[in-house]
Amino acid sequence: IAHGSLRITLSEYTTEEEADYIIEKVPGVVERLREMSPVWERMMQNQ
């Protein structure tokens, strides 16, 4: 689990539009990577 971390650190120059862009893109990227992940597949099988 520790291998799957993401650190996002903002600054005073970060805009709301940039925050929204992060929120828009991260879920799709996570979903795509899970589709290719044997670890995720095993997790789903063991549920």
All heavy atoms as atom14 arrays in JSON, in Angstrom:
{
  "sequence": "IAHGSLRITLSEYTTEEEADYIIEKVPGVVERLREMSPVWERMMQNQ",
  "atom14_mask": [
    [1, 1, 1, 1, 1, 1, 1, 1, 0, 0, 0, 0, 0, 0],
    [1, 1, 1, 1, 1, 0, 0, 0, 0, 0, 0, 0, 0, 0],
    [1, 1, 1, 1, 1, 1, 1, 1, 1, 1, 0, 0, 0, 0],
    [1, 1, 1, 1, 0, 0, 0, 0, 0, 0, 0, 0, 0, 0],
    [1, 1, 1, 1, 1, 1, 0, 0, 0, 0, 0, 0, 0, 0],
    [1, 1, 1, 1, 1, 1, 1, 1, 0, 0, 0, 0, 0, 0],
    [1, 1, 1, 1, 1, 1, 1, 1, 1, 1, 1, 0, 0, 0],
    [1, 1, 1, 1, 1, 1, 1, 1, 0, 0, 0, 0, 0, 0],
    [1, 1, 1, 1, 1, 1, 1, 0, 0, 0, 0, 0, 0, 0],
    [1, 1, 1, 1, 1, 1, 1, 1, 0, 0, 0, 0, 0, 0],
    [1, 1, 1, 1, 1, 1, 0, 0, 0, 0, 0, 0, 0, 0],
    [1, 1, 1, 1, 1, 1, 1, 1, 1, 0, 0, 0, 0, 0],
    [1, 1, 1, 1, 1, 1, 1, 1, 1, 1, 1, 1, 0, 0],
    [1, 1, 1, 1, 1, 1, 1, 0, 0, 0, 0, 0, 0, 0],
    [1, 1, 1, 1, 1, 1, 1, 0, 0, 0, 0, 0, 0, 0],
    [1, 1, 1, 1, 1, 1, 1, 1, 1, 0, 0, 0, 0, 0],
    [1, 1, 1, 1, 1, 1, 1, 1, 1, 0, 0, 0, 0, 0],
    [1, 1, 1, 1, 1, 1, 1, 1, 1, 0, 0, 0, 0, 0],
    [1, 1, 1, 1, 1, 0, 0, 0, 0, 0, 0, 0, 0, 0],
    [1, 1, 1, 1, 1, 1, 1, 1, 0, 0, 0, 0, 0, 0],
    [1, 1, 1, 1, 1, 1, 1, 1, 1, 1, 1, 1, 0, 0],
    [1, 1, 1, 1, 1, 1, 1, 1, 0, 0, 0, 0, 0, 0],
    [1, 1, 1, 1, 1, 1, 1, 1, 0, 0, 0, 0, 0, 0],
    [1, 1, 1, 1, 1, 1, 1, 1, 1, 0, 0, 0, 0, 0],
    [1, 1, 1, 1, 1, 1, 1, 1, 1, 0, 0, 0, 0, 0],
    [1, 1, 1, 1, 1, 1, 1, 0, 0, 0, 0, 0, 0, 0],
    [1, 1, 1, 1, 1, 1, 1, 0, 0, 0, 0, 0, 0, 0],
    [1, 1, 1, 1, 0, 0, 0, 0, 0, 0, 0, 0, 0, 0],
    [1, 1, 1, 1, 1, 1, 1, 0, 0, 0, 0, 0, 0, 0],
    [1, 1, 1, 1, 1, 1, 1, 0, 0, 0, 0, 0, 0, 0],
    [1, 1, 1, 1, 1, 1, 1, 1, 1, 0, 0, 0, 0, 0],
    [1, 1, 1, 1, 1, 1, 1, 1, 1, 1, 1, 0, 0, 0],
    [1, 1, 1, 1, 1, 1, 1, 1, 0, 0, 0, 0, 0, 0],
    [1, 1, 1, 1, 1, 1, 1, 1, 1, 1, 1, 0, 0, 0],
    [1, 1, 1, 1, 1, 1, 1, 1, 1, 0, 0, 0, 0, 0],
    [1, 1, 1, 1, 1, 1, 1, 1, 0, 0, 0, 0, 0, 0],
    [1, 1, 1, 1, 1, 1, 0, 0, 0, 0, 0, 0, 0, 0],
    [1, 1, 1, 1, 1, 1, 1, 0, 0, 0, 0, 0, 0, 0],
    [1, 1, 1, 1, 1, 1, 1, 0, 0, 0, 0, 0, 0, 0],
    [1, 1, 1, 1, 1, 1, 1, 1, 1, 1, 1, 1, 1, 1],
    [1, 1, 1, 1, 1, 1, 1, 1, 1, 0, 0, 0, 0, 0],
    [1, 1, 1, 1, 1, 1, 1, 1, 1, 1, 1, 0, 0, 0],
    [1, 1, 1, 1, 1, 1, 1, 1, 0, 0, 0, 0, 0, 0],
    [1, 1, 1, 1, 1, 1, 1, 1, 0, 0, 0, 0, 0, 0],
    [1, 1, 1, 1, 1, 1, 1, 1, 1, 0, 0, 0, 0, 0],
    [1, 1, 1, 1, 1, 1, 1, 1, 0, 0, 0, 0, 0, 0],
    [1, 1, 1, 1, 1, 1, 1, 1, 1, 0, 0, 0, 0, 0]
  ],
  "atom14_positions": [
    [[0.83, -1.2, 0.0], [0.0, 0.0, 0.0], [0.87, 1.25, 0.0], [0.57, 2.24, -0.68], [-0.96, 0.0, 1.2], [-1.97, -1.15, 1.06], [-1.7, 1.34, 1.31], [-2.95, -1.26, 2.22], [0.0, 0.0, 0.0], [0.0, 0.0, 0.0], [0.0, 0.0, 0.0], [0.0, 0.0, 0.0], [0.0, 0.0, 0.0], [0.0, 0.0, 0.0]],
    [[1.97, 1.2, 0.74], [2.88, 2.35, 0.79], [3.45, 2.69, -0.58], [3.79, 3.84, -0.85], [4.01, 2.08, 1.78], [0.0, 0.0, 0.0], [0.0, 0.0, 0.0], [0.0, 0.0, 0.0], [0.0, 0.0, 0.0], [0.0, 0.0, 0.0], [0.0, 0.0, 0.0], [0.0, 0.0, 0.0], [0.0, 0.0, 0.0], [0.0, 0.0, 0.0]],
    [[3.52, 1.69, -1.47], [4.03, 1.93, -2.82], [3.06, 2.77, -3.65], [3.46, 3.37, -4.64], [4.27, 0.6, -3.53], [5.66, 0.08, -3.36], [6.78, 0.76, -3.8], [6.14, -1.07, -2.79], [7.86, 0.06, -3.52], [7.5, -1.05, -2.9], [0.0, 0.0, 0.0], [0.0, 0.0, 0.0], [0.0, 0.0, 0.0], [0.0, 0.0, 0.0]],
    [[1.78, 2.83, -3.26], [0.78, 3.52, -4.07], [0.4, 4.89, -3.54], [-0.78, 5.24, -3.5], [0.0, 0.0, 0.0], [0.0, 0.0, 0.0], [0.0, 0.0, 0.0], [0.0, 0.0, 0.0], [0.0, 0.0, 0.0], [0.0, 0.0, 0.0], [0.0, 0.0, 0.0], [0.0, 0.0, 0.0], [0.0, 0.0, 0.0], [0.0, 0.0, 0.0]],
    [[1.39, 5.68, -3.15], [1.11, 6.99, -2.56], [1.26, 8.1, -3.57], [2.0, 7.99, -4.55], [2.02, 7.25, -1.36], [3.37, 7.38, -1.79], [0.0, 0.0, 0.0], [0.0, 0.0, 0.0], [0.0, 0.0, 0.0], [0.0, 0.0, 0.0], [0.0, 0.0, 0.0], [0.0, 0.0, 0.0], [0.0, 0.0, 0.0], [0.0, 0.0, 0.0]],
    [[0.54, 9.19, -3.31], [0.61, 10.4, -4.13], [0.68, 11.59, -3.2], [-0.19, 11.78, -2.36], [-0.62, 10.51, -5.03], [-0.76, 11.81, -5.83], [0.35, 11.93, -6.87], [-2.14, 11.89, -6.49], [0.0, 0.0, 0.0], [0.0, 0.0, 0.0], [0.0, 0.0, 0.0], [0.0, 0.0, 0.0], [0.0, 0.0, 0.0], [0.0, 0.0, 0.0]],
    [[1.73, 12.41, -3.36], [1.85, 13.65, -2.59], [1.61, 14.83, -3.51], [2.31, 15.02, -4.5], [3.23, 13.77, -1.95], [3.37, 15.02, -1.06], [4.77, 15.18, -0.5], [5.73, 15.56, -1.53], [7.02, 15.84, -1.27], [7.48, 15.76, -0.04], [7.84, 16.18, -2.27], [0.0, 0.0, 0.0], [0.0, 0.0, 0.0], [0.0, 0.0, 0.0]],
    [[0.59, 15.61, -3.17], [0.26, 16.84, -3.88], [0.51, 17.99, -2.92], [-0.09, 18.04, -1.84], [-1.21, 16.84, -4.34], [-1.45, 15.72, -5.35], [-1.61, 18.19, -4.91], [-2.92, 15.45, -5.62], [0.0, 0.0, 0.0], [0.0, 0.0, 0.0], [0.0, 0.0, 0.0], [0.0, 0.0, 0.0], [0.0, 0.0, 0.0], [0.0, 0.0, 0.0]],
    [[1.42, 18.88, -3.28], [1.7, 20.02, -2.4], [1.52, 21.32, -3.17], [2.1, 21.51, -4.24], [3.11, 19.91, -1.79], [4.06, 19.52, -2.79], [3.12, 18.88, -0.67], [0.0, 0.0, 0.0], [0.0, 0.0, 0.0], [0.0, 0.0, 0.0], [0.0, 0.0, 0.0], [0.0, 0.0, 0.0], [0.0, 0.0, 0.0], [0.0, 0.0, 0.0]],
    [[0.72, 22.19, -2.61], [0.29, 23.42, -3.26], [1.15, 24.6, -2.83], [2.0, 24.47, -1.96], [-1.18, 23.68, -2.92], [-2.13, 22.47, -3.01], [-3.53, 22.84, -2.54], [-2.16, 21.92, -4.43], [0.0, 0.0, 0.0], [0.0, 0.0, 0.0], [0.0, 0.0, 0.0], [0.0, 0.0, 0.0], [0.0, 0.0, 0.0], [0.0, 0.0, 0.0]],
    [[0.91, 25.75, -3.45], [1.6, 26.98, -3.06], [0.64, 28.14, -3.14], [-0.51, 27.99, -3.57], [2.81, 27.24, -3.97], [2.4, 27.86, -5.18], [0.0, 0.0, 0.0], [0.0, 0.0, 0.0], [0.0, 0.0, 0.0], [0.0, 0.0, 0.0], [0.0, 0.0, 0.0], [0.0, 0.0, 0.0], [0.0, 0.0, 0.0], [0.0, 0.0, 0.0]],
    [[1.12, 29.33, -2.78], [0.26, 30.5, -2.86], [-0.09, 30.85, -4.3], [-1.01, 31.61, -4.57], [0.94, 31.7, -2.19], [2.21, 32.19, -2.86], [2.72, 33.47, -2.22], [2.13, 34.53, -2.49], [3.69, 33.39, -1.44], [0.0, 0.0, 0.0], [0.0, 0.0, 0.0], [0.0, 0.0, 0.0], [0.0, 0.0, 0.0], [0.0, 0.0, 0.0]],
    [[0.64, 30.26, -5.26], [0.36, 30.51, -6.67], [-0.63, 29.5, -7.26], [-1.05, 29.66, -8.41], [1.66, 30.47, -7.48], [2.72, 31.43, -6.99], [4.03, 31.03, -6.79], [2.4, 32.76, -6.7], [5.01, 31.91, -6.33], [3.36, 33.65, -6.25], [4.66, 33.22, -6.07], [5.61, 34.11, -5.62], [0.0, 0.0, 0.0], [0.0, 0.0, 0.0]],
    [[-0.97, 28.45, -6.51], [-1.91, 27.45, -7.01], [-3.31, 28.06, -7.13], [-3.8, 28.7, -6.21], [-1.96, 26.23, -6.06], [-0.64, 25.71, -5.89], [-2.87, 25.14, -6.63], [0.0, 0.0, 0.0], [0.0, 0.0, 0.0], [0.0, 0.0, 0.0], [0.0, 0.0, 0.0], [0.0, 0.0, 0.0], [0.0, 0.0, 0.0], [0.0, 0.0, 0.0]],
    [[-3.95, 27.83, -8.26], [-5.29, 28.38, -8.51], [-6.36, 27.32, -8.27], [-6.07, 26.11, -8.26], [-5.41, 28.9, -9.94], [-5.32, 27.77, -10.85], [-4.32, 29.9, -10.26], [0.0, 0.0, 0.0], [0.0, 0.0, 0.0], [0.0, 0.0, 0.0], [0.0, 0.0, 0.0], [0.0, 0.0, 0.0], [0.0, 0.0, 0.0], [0.0, 0.0, 0.0]],
    [[-7.6, 27.77, -8.14], [-8.71, 26.84, -8.0], [-8.88, 26.02, -9.27], [-9.23, 24.83, -9.2], [-10.0, 27.58, -7.67], [-11.15, 26.65, -7.34], [-12.31, 27.33, -6.65], [-12.31, 28.57, -6.53], [-13.24, 26.61, -6.21], [0.0, 0.0, 0.0], [0.0, 0.0, 0.0], [0.0, 0.0, 0.0], [0.0, 0.0, 0.0], [0.0, 0.0, 0.0]],
    [[-8.6, 26.62, -10.41], [-8.7, 25.89, -11.68], [-7.69, 24.74, -11.72], [-8.01, 23.64, -12.21], [-8.45, 26.84, -12.85], [-9.56, 27.85, -13.1], [-9.58, 28.99, -12.09], [-8.55, 29.22, -11.4], [-10.63, 29.66, -11.99], [0.0, 0.0, 0.0], [0.0, 0.0, 0.0], [0.0, 0.0, 0.0], [0.0, 0.0, 0.0], [0.0, 0.0, 0.0]],
    [[-6.51, 24.97, -11.18], [-5.51, 23.91, -11.13], [-5.93, 22.8, -10.18], [-5.74, 21.61, -10.47], [-4.16, 24.5, -10.72], [-3.53, 25.38, -11.8], [-2.27, 26.07, -11.35], [-2.15, 26.36, -10.13], [-1.4, 26.34, -12.19], [0.0, 0.0, 0.0], [0.0, 0.0, 0.0], [0.0, 0.0, 0.0], [0.0, 0.0, 0.0], [0.0, 0.0, 0.0]],
    [[-6.49, 23.17, -9.03], [-6.99, 22.17, -8.09], [-8.09, 21.33, -8.74], [-8.13, 20.1, -8.59], [-7.49, 22.84, -6.82], [0.0, 0.0, 0.0], [0.0, 0.0, 0.0], [0.0, 0.0, 0.0], [0.0, 0.0, 0.0], [0.0, 0.0, 0.0], [0.0, 0.0, 0.0], [0.0, 0.0, 0.0], [0.0, 0.0, 0.0], [0.0, 0.0, 0.0]],
    [[-8.99, 21.98, -9.45], [-10.07, 21.27, -10.12], [-9.53, 20.33, -11.21], [-10.08, 19.24, -11.43], [-11.05, 22.27, -10.75], [-11.88, 23.0, -9.71], [-12.0, 22.49, -8.57], [-12.42, 24.08, -10.03], [0.0, 0.0, 0.0], [0.0, 0.0, 0.0], [0.0, 0.0, 0.0], [0.0, 0.0, 0.0], [0.0, 0.0, 0.0], [0.0, 0.0, 0.0]],
    [[-8.47, 20.74, -11.88], [-7.86, 19.91, -12.91], [-7.27, 18.63, -12.29], [-7.4, 17.54, -12.85], [-6.78, 20.7, -13.64], [-6.19, 19.99, -14.84], [-6.91, 19.84, -16.02], [-4.89, 19.5, -14.79], [-6.35, 19.2, -17.12], [-4.32, 18.86, -15.89], [-5.07, 18.71, -17.05], [-4.51, 18.08, -18.14], [0.0, 0.0, 0.0], [0.0, 0.0, 0.0]],
    [[-6.62, 18.78, -11.13], [-6.1, 17.6, -10.42], [-7.25, 16.66, -10.06], [-7.17, 15.44, -10.27], [-5.34, 18.05, -9.15], [-4.06, 18.8, -9.52], [-5.02, 16.85, -8.26], [-3.38, 19.48, -8.35], [0.0, 0.0, 0.0], [0.0, 0.0, 0.0], [0.0, 0.0, 0.0], [0.0, 0.0, 0.0], [0.0, 0.0, 0.0], [0.0, 0.0, 0.0]],
    [[-8.33, 17.24, -9.53], [-9.5, 16.44, -9.12], [-10.11, 15.74, -10.33], [-10.58, 14.6, -10.24], [-10.53, 17.35, -8.43], [-9.99, 17.83, -7.08], [-11.87, 16.63, -8.26], [-10.78, 18.97, -6.47], [0.0, 0.0, 0.0], [0.0, 0.0, 0.0], [0.0, 0.0, 0.0], [0.0, 0.0, 0.0], [0.0, 0.0, 0.0], [0.0, 0.0, 0.0]],
    [[-10.08, 16.38, -11.47], [-10.65, 15.81, -12.7], [-9.81, 14.63, -13.21], [-10.36, 13.61, -13.65], [-10.73, 16.89, -13.77], [-11.17, 16.38, -15.14], [-10.97, 17.42, -16.23], [-10.87, 18.63, -15.92], [-10.9, 17.02, -17.42], [0.0, 0.0, 0.0], [0.0, 0.0, 0.0], [0.0, 0.0, 0.0], [0.0, 0.0, 0.0], [0.0, 0.0, 0.0]],
    [[-8.5, 14.75, -13.17], [-7.63, 13.77, -13.83], [-7.24, 12.57, -12.96], [-7.08, 11.46, -13.49], [-6.36, 14.47, -14.32], [-6.6, 15.51, -15.41], [-7.27, 14.88, -16.64], [-7.52, 15.9, -17.73], [-8.25, 15.32, -18.88], [0.0, 0.0, 0.0], [0.0, 0.0, 0.0], [0.0, 0.0, 0.0], [0.0, 0.0, 0.0], [0.0, 0.0, 0.0]],
    [[-7.06, 12.76, -11.67], [-6.55, 11.67, -10.83], [-7.47, 10.43, -10.84], [-6.98, 9.31, -11.01], [-6.29, 12.15, -9.39], [-5.98, 10.96, -8.47], [-5.12, 13.14, -9.36], [0.0, 0.0, 0.0], [0.0, 0.0, 0.0], [0.0, 0.0, 0.0], [0.0, 0.0, 0.0], [0.0, 0.0, 0.0], [0.0, 0.0, 0.0], [0.0, 0.0, 0.0]],
    [[-8.79, 10.56, -10.67], [-9.62, 9.35, -10.64], [-9.49, 8.49, -11.89], [-9.41, 7.25, -11.8], [-11.04, 9.9, -10.49], [-10.86, 11.22, -9.83], [-9.59, 11.77, -10.4], [0.0, 0.0, 0.0], [0.0, 0.0, 0.0], [0.0, 0.0, 0.0], [0.0, 0.0, 0.0], [0.0, 0.0, 0.0], [0.0, 0.0, 0.0], [0.0, 0.0, 0.0]],
    [[-9.47, 9.1, -13.06], [-9.35, 8.34, -14.3], [-8.01, 7.64, -14.41], [-7.94, 6.5, -14.9], [0.0, 0.0, 0.0], [0.0, 0.0, 0.0], [0.0, 0.0, 0.0], [0.0, 0.0, 0.0], [0.0, 0.0, 0.0], [0.0, 0.0, 0.0], [0.0, 0.0, 0.0], [0.0, 0.0, 0.0], [0.0, 0.0, 0.0], [0.0, 0.0, 0.0]],
    [[-6.95, 8.3, -13.96], [-5.63, 7.69, -14.0], [-5.57, 6.49, -13.04], [-5.05, 5.43, -13.4], [-4.55, 8.73, -13.64], [-3.19, 8.05, -13.42], [-4.45, 9.79, -14.72], [0.0, 0.0, 0.0], [0.0, 0.0, 0.0], [0.0, 0.0, 0.0], [0.0, 0.0, 0.0], [0.0, 0.0, 0.0], [0.0, 0.0, 0.0], [0.0, 0.0, 0.0]],
    [[-6.13, 6.64, -11.86], [-6.16, 5.54, -10.9], [-6.95, 4.36, -11.48], [-6.52, 3.19, -11.4], [-6.78, 6.0, -9.56], [-7.03, 4.8, -8.64], [-5.87, 7.01, -8.87], [0.0, 0.0, 0.0], [0.0, 0.0, 0.0], [0.0, 0.0, 0.0], [0.0, 0.0, 0.0], [0.0, 0.0, 0.0], [0.0, 0.0, 0.0], [0.0, 0.0, 0.0]],
    [[-8.09, 4.64, -12.06], [-8.92, 3.58, -12.66], [-8.16, 2.86, -13.77], [-8.18, 1.62, -13.86], [-10.21, 4.18, -13.2], [-11.16, 3.14, -13.8], [-12.45, 3.75, -14.29], [-12.58, 4.99, -14.26], [-13.33, 2.98, -14.73], [0.0, 0.0, 0.0], [0.0, 0.0, 0.0], [0.0, 0.0, 0.0], [0.0, 0.0, 0.0], [0.0, 0.0, 0.0]],
    [[-7.49, 3.61, -14.63], [-6.74, 3.01, -15.73], [-5.62, 2.13, -15.21], [-5.4, 1.01, -15.72], [-6.17, 4.12, -16.62], [-5.26, 3.63, -17.73], [-6.01, 2.83, -18.74], [-5.12, 2.39, -19.82], [-5.12, 1.17, -20.33], [-5.99, 0.25, -19.9], [-4.29, 0.84, -21.31], [0.0, 0.0, 0.0], [0.0, 0.0, 0.0], [0.0, 0.0, 0.0]],
    [[-4.9, 2.57, -14.22], [-3.8, 1.78, -13.67], [-4.32, 0.52, -12.98], [-3.68, -0.55, -13.06], [-2.99, 2.62, -12.7], [-2.14, 3.74, -13.32], [-1.53, 4.62, -12.25], [-1.05, 3.15, -14.21], [0.0, 0.0, 0.0], [0.0, 0.0, 0.0], [0.0, 0.0, 0.0], [0.0, 0.0, 0.0], [0.0, 0.0, 0.0], [0.0, 0.0, 0.0]],
    [[-5.46, 0.62, -12.33], [-6.03, -0.56, -11.68], [-6.48, -1.6, -12.7], [-6.4, -2.81, -12.43], [-7.19, -0.14, -10.78], [-6.73, 0.48, -9.45], [-7.87, 1.02, -8.63], [-7.4, 1.42, -7.29], [-8.15, 2.06, -6.4], [-9.41, 2.4, -6.71], [-7.67, 2.37, -5.21], [0.0, 0.0, 0.0], [0.0, 0.0, 0.0], [0.0, 0.0, 0.0]],
    [[-6.9, -1.16, -13.85], [-7.3, -2.09, -14.9], [-6.11, -2.93, -15.37], [-6.29, -4.07, -15.83], [-7.87, -1.32, -16.09], [-9.24, -0.7, -15.84], [-9.68, 0.2, -16.98], [-8.88, 0.43, -17.92], [-10.83, 0.68, -16.95], [0.0, 0.0, 0.0], [0.0, 0.0, 0.0], [0.0, 0.0, 0.0], [0.0, 0.0, 0.0], [0.0, 0.0, 0.0]],
    [[-4.91, -2.4, -15.23], [-3.7, -3.09, -15.66], [-2.97, -3.78, -14.5], [-1.93, -4.41, -14.72], [-2.74, -2.1, -16.32], [-3.31, -1.4, -17.54], [-2.1, -0.31, -18.34], [-1.93, 0.99, -17.11], [0.0, 0.0, 0.0], [0.0, 0.0, 0.0], [0.0, 0.0, 0.0], [0.0, 0.0, 0.0], [0.0, 0.0, 0.0], [0.0, 0.0, 0.0]],
    [[-3.49, -3.66, -13.29], [-2.76, -4.11, -12.1], [-3.17, -5.5, -11.64], [-4.32, -5.72, -11.26], [-2.98, -3.12, -10.95], [-2.48, -3.62, -9.74], [0.0, 0.0, 0.0], [0.0, 0.0, 0.0], [0.0, 0.0, 0.0], [0.0, 0.0, 0.0], [0.0, 0.0, 0.0], [0.0, 0.0, 0.0], [0.0, 0.0, 0.0], [0.0, 0.0, 0.0]],
    [[-2.23, -6.47, -11.63], [-2.54, -7.79, -11.08], [-2.8, -7.74, -9.57], [-3.54, -8.56, -9.05], [-1.29, -8.61, -11.42], [-0.2, -7.61, -11.63], [-0.87, -6.4, -12.18], [0.0, 0.0, 0.0], [0.0, 0.0, 0.0], [0.0, 0.0, 0.0], [0.0, 0.0, 0.0], [0.0, 0.0, 0.0], [0.0, 0.0, 0.0], [0.0, 0.0, 0.0]],
    [[-2.17, -6.77, -8.9], [-2.4, -6.61, -7.45], [-3.85, -6.22, -7.2], [-4.52, -6.77, -6.31], [-1.46, -5.53, -6.87], [-1.78, -5.28, -5.4], [0.0, -5.94, -7.03], [0.0, 0.0, 0.0], [0.0, 0.0, 0.0], [0.0, 0.0, 0.0], [0.0, 0.0, 0.0], [0.0, 0.0, 0.0], [0.0, 0.0, 0.0], [0.0, 0.0, 0.0]],
    [[-4.36, -5.28, -7.98], [-5.75, -4.86, -7.84], [-6.7, -6.02, -8.17], [-7.72, -6.22, -7.5], [-6.03, -3.67, -8.75], [-7.45, -3.19, -8.74], [-8.38, -3.35, -9.72], [-8.1, -2.49, -7.67], [-9.57, -2.79, -9.34], [-9.42, -2.25, -8.09], [-7.69, -2.04, -6.42], [-10.34, -1.57, -7.3], [-8.61, -1.37, -5.63], [-9.91, -1.13, -6.06]],
    [[-6.36, -6.78, -9.19], [-7.19, -7.93, -9.58], [-7.29, -8.94, -8.45], [-8.37, -9.44, -8.14], [-6.62, -8.58, -10.84], [-7.47, -9.72, -11.38], [-6.89, -10.32, -12.65], [-5.85, -9.81, -13.14], [-7.47, -11.29, -13.16], [0.0, 0.0, 0.0], [0.0, 0.0, 0.0], [0.0, 0.0, 0.0], [0.0, 0.0, 0.0], [0.0, 0.0, 0.0]],
    [[-6.16, -9.23, -7.81], [-6.16, -10.17, -6.67], [-6.99, -9.61, -5.51], [-7.71, -10.36, -4.83], [-4.74, -10.47, -6.22], [-3.97, -11.38, -7.15], [-2.72, -11.91, -6.49], [-1.8, -10.86, -6.08], [-0.83, -10.38, -6.85], [-0.69, -10.84, -8.1], [-0.02, -9.44, -6.41], [0.0, 0.0, 0.0], [0.0, 0.0, 0.0], [0.0, 0.0, 0.0]],
    [[-6.88, -8.3, -5.28], [-7.67, -7.67, -4.21], [-9.15, -7.86, -4.44], [-9.91, -8.2, -3.52], [-7.35, -6.19, -4.12], [-6.05, -5.83, -3.43], [-5.8, -4.03, -3.41], [-7.29, -3.49, -2.56], [0.0, 0.0, 0.0], [0.0, 0.0, 0.0], [0.0, 0.0, 0.0], [0.0, 0.0, 0.0], [0.0, 0.0, 0.0], [0.0, 0.0, 0.0]],
    [[-9.58, -7.66, -5.67], [-11.0, -7.77, -5.99], [-11.48, -9.22, -5.89], [-12.6, -9.5, -5.46], [-11.26, -7.22, -7.39], [-11.01, -5.72, -7.52], [-12.05, -4.7, -6.41], [-10.9, -4.38, -5.05], [0.0, 0.0, 0.0], [0.0, 0.0, 0.0], [0.0, 0.0, 0.0], [0.0, 0.0, 0.0], [0.0, 0.0, 0.0], [0.0, 0.0, 0.0]],
    [[-10.61, -10.15, -6.25], [-10.98, -11.56, -6.17], [-11.11, -12.04, -4.73], [-11.91, -12.92, -4.42], [-9.94, -12.41, -6.9], [-9.96, -12.25, -8.42], [-8.81, -12.97, -9.09], [-7.86, -13.43, -8.44], [-8.87, -13.07, -10.43], [0.0, 0.0, 0.0], [0.0, 0.0, 0.0], [0.0, 0.0, 0.0], [0.0, 0.0, 0.0], [0.0, 0.0, 0.0]],
    [[-10.32, -11.43, -3.84], [-10.32, -11.85, -2.44], [-11.38, -11.17, -1.59], [-11.51, -11.45, -0.4], [-8.94, -11.59, -1.83], [-7.86, -12.47, -2.44], [-8.16, -13.58, -2.9], [-6.63, -11.98, -2.46], [0.0, 0.0, 0.0], [0.0, 0.0, 0.0], [0.0, 0.0, 0.0], [0.0, 0.0, 0.0], [0.0, 0.0, 0.0], [0.0, 0.0, 0.0]],
    [[-12.12, -10.24, -2.2], [-13.14, -9.54, -1.42], [-14.34, -10.43, -1.16], [-14.71, -11.27, -1.97], [-13.6, -8.28, -2.16], [-12.65, -7.12, -1.99], [-13.24, -5.81, -2.48], [-14.12, -5.77, -3.32], [-12.75, -4.71, -1.94], [0.0, 0.0, 0.0], [0.0, 0.0, 0.0], [0.0, 0.0, 0.0], [0.0, 0.0, 0.0], [0.0, 0.0, 0.0]]
  ]
}
